[in-house]
Structures are given as structure tokens and as C-alpha cells.
Amino acid sequence: MRTIYILWLRQLKRYFRSKSRMVGSLAQPLLFLVSLGYGFGAIFQKAGQGNYIEFLAPGIIGMSIIFTSIFSGLEIIWDRQFGFLKETMVAPVSRLSIMIGRTLGGATVATMQGVVVFLISLLAGFRPEHWLLMPIVLLVMLLVALLFTAFGTMIASFLDDMQGFQLIMNFVVMPLFFLSGALFPLSGQKSVIVTIARFDPLSYGIDAFRYLMTGTSHFSLGVDLVALSSATAIFLVLGSYFFSKIQL
């Protein structure tokens, strides 16, 4: 447990000491929230869909979490190149403990990012319908963050080039985000879009956010939680396995 705690704490310290990272990671969610929220708000309302900020905010929260979570895998490549990962792996502790500590740290940072974006969305005019459900929203944020942090760890375990990781992650992350229903309602879409969204784990995270915050959803909360929990368990197992096979 001490190993897990130390590596978790290291992730948090690295985050808080990097002011540019803290500011830069908020720039994209803020841009999407303001430009899309106000730019398409009138169109969305004229189409009879209601307030676009209310619809968009849960999706932007999900976006901030997935970007921060997956790119935490970049730190594994960084540590490998500068020798810290080798020192950690040869220590008399299990690789599973190392992976769990790093994953929990990355997920905690991503969850904090989601909370900050939520606070920013309040300034933009977003108002949750059920404030009493916010602790559950926080748990769902952590679940989504664990899922995609484990996914990023799994991908980083195969790579030793930071530029390659960034290119692959952009190729993966952008479709996951844009096809999750974060920016548009899935109801009424073509069947191919809905089918793809059903295989996108981020869809269930954002759908759960919408249900808990605004009372609307495409799936049901039960389906969302089962899908997220199953995907998280699968990627935690895969991430742990491939991390244990890293060649230094």
C-alpha cells in the first residue's frame, strides 16, 4: 500500500508543480464550452432541443477527463527515457503495485480536471438539476478517469517514443470524443452513429453525467454504470498485464 500511495502522491505533485500543464489542459475544454455553447446555442434552441449549454457541459467535462487520463500514459514513456521507470521497476515491489499507484494518481488528476471544468461551466451558465447527486457524479468521474488512464497505460506500454504516442492517442481520442454524443444528441441520429456510440465507453460516461446533472439520457443510468464498470475492469486487467511486460 505504501508503494501505491507514494506513486499516487508523485502524480499529484507533478501536476501541481506544472502550472503550464494546469492552464493548458483547461484551454481546450474552455474553448469548446464557450465557442460551441454560445455559437450553436441559438440553433440548438430553435431546433427545440433546449439550452445547449445545459446539454454541452457534461460532454465537455467528459472531454477534459478523457484527454487528461489518456495522456497520463505519456509520463510512462517520459520516465522510461529518463531512467526513472527502470529504477522503479527494479525496486523490491510488484509491478502491479506500481501500475495501480500510477493509474490512481493519473485518475485523481483527471477527476480534479473534471471538477475544475464543472466549476467553469457554472460560470458559463450551466446549472445542475440535482445538486444532491453531485457526490455520485464525482464517483462516475473517477470511474471514467480510471478507465482511460488504464487505457493510456496499456498503449504506452507498447511505445518508447513520445511523438508516436501523441499521434496514436490523437487518432484514438478524437473519434472517441466526437462519436460519444458529447456535442450532439444521439436520439434521431443515423443507426450507424448510434451503433458506434454503443461501443464507445465514453458515451456511457457522458450519458451518466447528463442523467445525474440534467435528468436526461439516451441510455439508462444502470446501463451506463454496468458498461463503465465492465470496461474499466477490462482495461485495468489489460493495462496491468502489458505494463508488467514492459522491456527496459
Protein backbone atom coordinates (compact mmCIF):
# COMPACT_ATOMS: atom_id res chain seq x y z
CA MET A 1 0.00 0.00 0.00
CA ARG A 2 2.90 2.36 0.71
CA THR A 3 4.17 1.91 -2.86
CA ILE A 4 0.75 2.72 -4.28
CA TYR A 5 0.44 5.79 -2.05
CA ILE A 6 3.90 7.15 -2.93
CA LEU A 7 3.35 6.79 -6.69
CA TRP A 8 -0.14 8.28 -6.37
CA LEU A 9 1.29 11.24 -4.45
CA ARG A 10 4.06 11.68 -7.03
CA GLN A 11 1.49 12.04 -9.81
CA LEU A 12 -0.33 14.74 -7.86
CA LYS A 13 2.86 16.64 -7.03
CA ARG A 14 3.97 16.60 -10.66
CA TYR A 15 0.62 18.01 -11.68
CA PHE A 16 0.51 20.83 -9.13
CA ARG A 17 4.11 21.81 -9.82
CA SER A 18 3.46 22.18 -13.54
CA LYS A 19 1.49 25.41 -13.80
CA SER A 20 1.65 25.42 -17.60
CA ARG A 21 0.11 21.95 -17.67
CA MET A 22 -2.70 23.03 -15.35
CA VAL A 23 -3.54 26.04 -17.50
CA GLY A 24 -3.01 24.34 -20.86
CA SER A 25 -5.22 21.36 -20.01
CA LEU A 26 -8.11 23.74 -19.32
CA ALA A 27 -7.74 25.77 -22.51
CA GLN A 28 -9.36 23.28 -24.88
CA PRO A 29 -12.43 22.49 -22.70
CA LEU A 30 -12.95 26.20 -22.11
CA LEU A 31 -12.70 26.91 -25.85
CA PHE A 32 -15.25 24.22 -26.70
CA LEU A 33 -17.61 25.29 -23.93
CA VAL A 34 -17.62 28.97 -24.88
CA SER A 35 -17.36 28.79 -28.67
CA LEU A 36 -19.76 25.89 -29.19
CA GLY A 37 -22.02 26.62 -26.23
CA TYR A 38 -22.75 30.19 -27.30
CA GLY A 39 -22.07 29.76 -31.03
CA PHE A 40 -24.57 26.94 -31.56
CA GLY A 41 -26.85 27.77 -28.64
CA ALA A 42 -29.40 29.68 -30.74
CA ILE A 43 -29.50 26.96 -33.41
CA PHE A 44 -29.94 24.23 -30.80
CA GLN A 45 -32.75 26.16 -29.13
CA LYS A 46 -34.55 26.88 -32.41
CA ALA A 47 -34.49 23.17 -33.16
CA GLY A 48 -36.49 22.63 -29.97
CA GLN A 49 -33.63 20.91 -28.12
CA GLY A 50 -33.49 23.36 -25.21
CA ASN A 51 -30.46 25.11 -23.75
CA TYR A 52 -27.27 23.97 -25.49
CA ILE A 53 -25.04 24.87 -22.54
CA GLU A 54 -27.08 22.51 -20.38
CA PHE A 55 -26.57 19.76 -22.96
CA LEU A 56 -22.93 20.53 -23.74
CA ALA A 57 -21.44 20.93 -20.25
CA PRO A 58 -21.49 17.19 -19.32
CA GLY A 59 -19.82 16.39 -22.64
CA ILE A 60 -17.06 18.94 -22.08
CA ILE A 61 -16.48 17.58 -18.58
CA GLY A 62 -16.09 14.14 -20.13
CA MET A 63 -13.68 15.56 -22.72
CA SER A 64 -11.42 17.08 -20.07
CA ILE A 65 -11.31 13.79 -18.18
CA ILE A 66 -10.52 11.58 -21.17
CA PHE A 67 -7.76 13.86 -22.51
CA THR A 68 -6.06 14.17 -19.13
CA SER A 69 -6.46 10.45 -18.35
CA ILE A 70 -5.10 9.05 -21.58
CA PHE A 71 -2.20 11.44 -21.85
CA SER A 72 -1.04 10.43 -18.38
CA GLY A 73 0.37 7.44 -20.25
CA LEU A 74 2.87 9.86 -21.77
CA GLU A 75 4.54 10.08 -18.37
CA ILE A 76 5.42 6.39 -18.58
CA ILE A 77 7.37 6.99 -21.79
CA TRP A 78 8.97 10.07 -20.26
CA ASP A 79 10.04 8.13 -17.15
CA ARG A 80 11.36 5.32 -19.35
CA GLN A 81 13.53 7.67 -21.38
CA PHE A 82 14.97 9.40 -18.32
CA GLY A 83 15.58 6.24 -16.32
CA PHE A 84 13.08 6.74 -13.50
CA LEU A 85 10.88 3.87 -14.67
CA LYS A 86 13.85 1.48 -14.63
CA GLU A 87 14.69 2.47 -11.08
CA THR A 88 11.07 1.92 -10.09
CA MET A 89 10.75 -1.44 -11.82
CA VAL A 90 13.90 -2.91 -10.23
CA ALA A 91 12.74 -1.91 -6.75
CA PRO A 92 11.59 -4.80 -4.50
CA VAL A 93 7.91 -4.11 -5.13
CA SER A 94 5.45 -5.70 -7.52
CA ARG A 95 4.86 -4.19 -10.92
CA LEU A 96 1.14 -4.42 -10.22
CA SER A 97 1.55 -2.03 -7.27
CA ILE A 98 3.50 0.36 -9.48
CA MET A 99 0.81 0.28 -12.16
CA ILE A 100 -2.02 0.74 -9.64
CA GLY A 101 -0.27 3.68 -7.98
CA ARG A 102 0.38 5.44 -11.28
CA THR A 103 -3.14 4.73 -12.53
CA LEU A 104 -4.80 6.01 -9.36
CA GLY A 105 -2.63 9.12 -9.49
CA GLY A 106 -3.48 9.83 -13.12
CA ALA A 107 -7.17 9.16 -12.48
CA THR A 108 -7.18 11.50 -9.47
CA VAL A 109 -5.61 14.28 -11.54
CA ALA A 110 -8.14 13.72 -14.34
CA THR A 111 -11.02 13.79 -11.85
CA MET A 112 -9.78 17.09 -10.45
CA GLN A 113 -9.68 18.42 -14.01
CA GLY A 114 -13.29 17.36 -14.44
CA VAL A 115 -14.27 19.19 -11.24
CA VAL A 116 -12.50 22.37 -12.39
CA VAL A 117 -14.25 22.24 -15.78
CA PHE A 118 -17.55 21.72 -13.96
CA LEU A 119 -16.90 24.89 -11.93
CA ILE A 120 -16.03 26.77 -15.13
CA SER A 121 -19.26 25.55 -16.72
CA LEU A 122 -21.17 27.08 -13.80
CA LEU A 123 -19.67 30.45 -14.74
CA ALA A 124 -20.81 29.84 -18.33
CA GLY A 125 -24.42 29.44 -17.18
CA PHE A 126 -24.74 25.70 -16.57
CA ARG A 127 -26.90 24.70 -13.60
CA PRO A 128 -27.25 21.06 -12.47
CA GLU A 129 -30.80 19.96 -11.83
CA HIS A 130 -29.94 17.79 -8.83
CA TRP A 131 -27.17 19.12 -6.59
CA LEU A 132 -27.62 16.23 -4.15
CA LEU A 133 -26.41 13.83 -6.85
CA MET A 134 -23.05 15.57 -7.23
CA PRO A 135 -21.19 13.05 -4.99
CA ILE A 136 -22.35 10.32 -7.38
CA VAL A 137 -21.20 12.44 -10.33
CA LEU A 138 -17.77 12.61 -8.68
CA LEU A 139 -17.65 8.83 -8.41
CA VAL A 140 -18.59 8.47 -12.09
CA MET A 141 -15.84 10.96 -12.98
CA LEU A 142 -13.35 8.78 -11.10
CA LEU A 143 -14.63 5.66 -12.85
CA VAL A 144 -14.25 7.25 -16.30
CA ALA A 145 -10.80 8.54 -15.33
CA LEU A 146 -9.68 5.08 -14.17
CA LEU A 147 -10.91 3.55 -17.41
CA PHE A 148 -9.00 5.86 -19.72
CA THR A 149 -5.90 6.12 -17.52
CA ALA A 150 -5.60 2.34 -17.69
CA PHE A 151 -6.15 2.53 -21.45
CA GLY A 152 -3.39 5.13 -21.80
CA THR A 153 -1.08 2.99 -19.67
CA MET A 154 -1.75 -0.01 -21.90
CA ILE A 155 -0.89 1.92 -25.07
CA ALA A 156 2.21 3.49 -23.50
CA SER A 157 3.47 0.04 -22.56
CA PHE A 158 3.99 -0.74 -26.26
CA LEU A 159 5.76 2.51 -27.16
CA ASP A 160 9.01 4.28 -26.34
CA ASP A 161 8.52 7.38 -28.48
CA MET A 162 6.58 10.35 -27.10
CA GLN A 163 5.71 11.78 -30.52
CA GLY A 164 4.37 8.42 -31.64
CA PHE A 165 2.24 8.16 -28.53
CA GLN A 166 0.75 11.60 -29.11
CA LEU A 167 -0.10 10.80 -32.73
CA ILE A 168 -1.70 7.48 -31.85
CA MET A 169 -3.65 8.95 -28.98
CA ASN A 170 -5.00 11.80 -31.11
CA PHE A 171 -6.05 9.21 -33.68
CA VAL A 172 -7.88 7.30 -30.95
CA VAL A 173 -9.13 10.06 -28.64
CA MET A 174 -10.75 12.35 -31.19
CA PRO A 175 -13.12 9.67 -32.59
CA LEU A 176 -13.93 8.51 -29.05
CA PHE A 177 -14.90 12.06 -28.14
CA PHE A 178 -16.73 13.19 -31.27
CA LEU A 179 -18.72 9.94 -31.63
CA SER A 180 -19.73 9.76 -27.97
CA GLY A 181 -22.65 12.14 -28.22
CA ALA A 182 -20.76 14.81 -26.28
CA LEU A 183 -21.56 17.53 -28.83
CA PHE A 184 -24.85 16.31 -30.28
CA PRO A 185 -27.80 14.21 -29.07
CA LEU A 186 -27.73 10.57 -30.14
CA SER A 187 -31.51 10.43 -30.39
CA GLY A 188 -32.59 10.76 -34.00
CA GLN A 189 -29.12 10.07 -35.40
CA LYS A 190 -28.45 7.52 -38.11
CA SER A 191 -28.21 3.96 -36.90
CA VAL A 192 -24.50 3.73 -37.75
CA ILE A 193 -23.70 6.64 -35.42
CA VAL A 194 -25.77 5.15 -32.59
CA THR A 195 -24.15 1.74 -33.12
CA ILE A 196 -20.65 3.22 -32.94
CA ALA A 197 -21.64 5.15 -29.81
CA ARG A 198 -22.72 1.91 -28.15
CA PHE A 199 -19.17 0.58 -28.50
CA ASP A 200 -17.63 3.83 -27.27
CA PRO A 201 -17.12 3.66 -23.48
CA LEU A 202 -17.03 7.46 -23.24
CA SER A 203 -20.65 7.54 -24.46
CA TYR A 204 -21.79 5.87 -21.25
CA GLY A 205 -19.74 8.21 -19.07
CA ILE A 206 -21.17 11.33 -20.68
CA ASP A 207 -24.66 9.83 -20.67
CA ALA A 208 -24.33 9.17 -16.92
CA PHE A 209 -23.17 12.76 -16.37
CA ARG A 210 -26.20 14.07 -18.26
CA TYR A 211 -28.62 11.91 -16.35
CA LEU A 212 -27.20 12.86 -12.94
CA MET A 213 -26.82 16.56 -13.77
CA THR A 214 -29.78 17.32 -16.03
CA GLY A 215 -32.11 14.34 -15.72
CA THR A 216 -31.91 13.42 -19.42
CA SER A 217 -30.14 10.46 -21.01
CA HIS A 218 -30.03 8.31 -24.12
CA PHE A 219 -29.35 5.03 -22.36
CA SER A 220 -30.24 4.42 -18.71
CA LEU A 221 -28.11 5.04 -15.63
CA GLY A 222 -27.99 1.31 -14.93
CA VAL A 223 -26.69 0.54 -18.42
CA ASP A 224 -24.18 3.39 -18.14
CA LEU A 225 -22.75 2.15 -14.83
CA VAL A 226 -22.59 -1.50 -15.91
CA ALA A 227 -20.86 -0.60 -19.19
CA LEU A 228 -18.37 1.73 -17.49
CA SER A 229 -17.59 -0.74 -14.70
CA SER A 230 -17.08 -3.59 -17.16
CA ALA A 231 -14.86 -1.55 -19.47
CA THR A 232 -12.85 -0.23 -16.51
CA ALA A 233 -12.25 -3.73 -15.17
CA ILE A 234 -11.18 -4.98 -18.62
CA PHE A 235 -8.71 -2.16 -19.24
CA LEU A 236 -7.31 -2.32 -15.71
CA VAL A 237 -6.53 -6.00 -16.28
CA LEU A 238 -5.09 -5.36 -19.75
CA GLY A 239 -3.13 -2.32 -18.58
CA SER A 240 -1.68 -4.27 -15.65
CA TYR A 241 -0.71 -7.19 -17.89
CA PHE A 242 1.02 -5.15 -20.58
CA PHE A 243 2.68 -2.87 -18.03
CA SER A 244 4.16 -5.94 -16.36
CA LYS A 245 5.66 -6.94 -19.74
CA ILE A 246 7.49 -3.64 -20.34
CA GLN A 247 11.05 -4.22 -21.52
CA LEU A 248 13.53 -1.66 -20.15
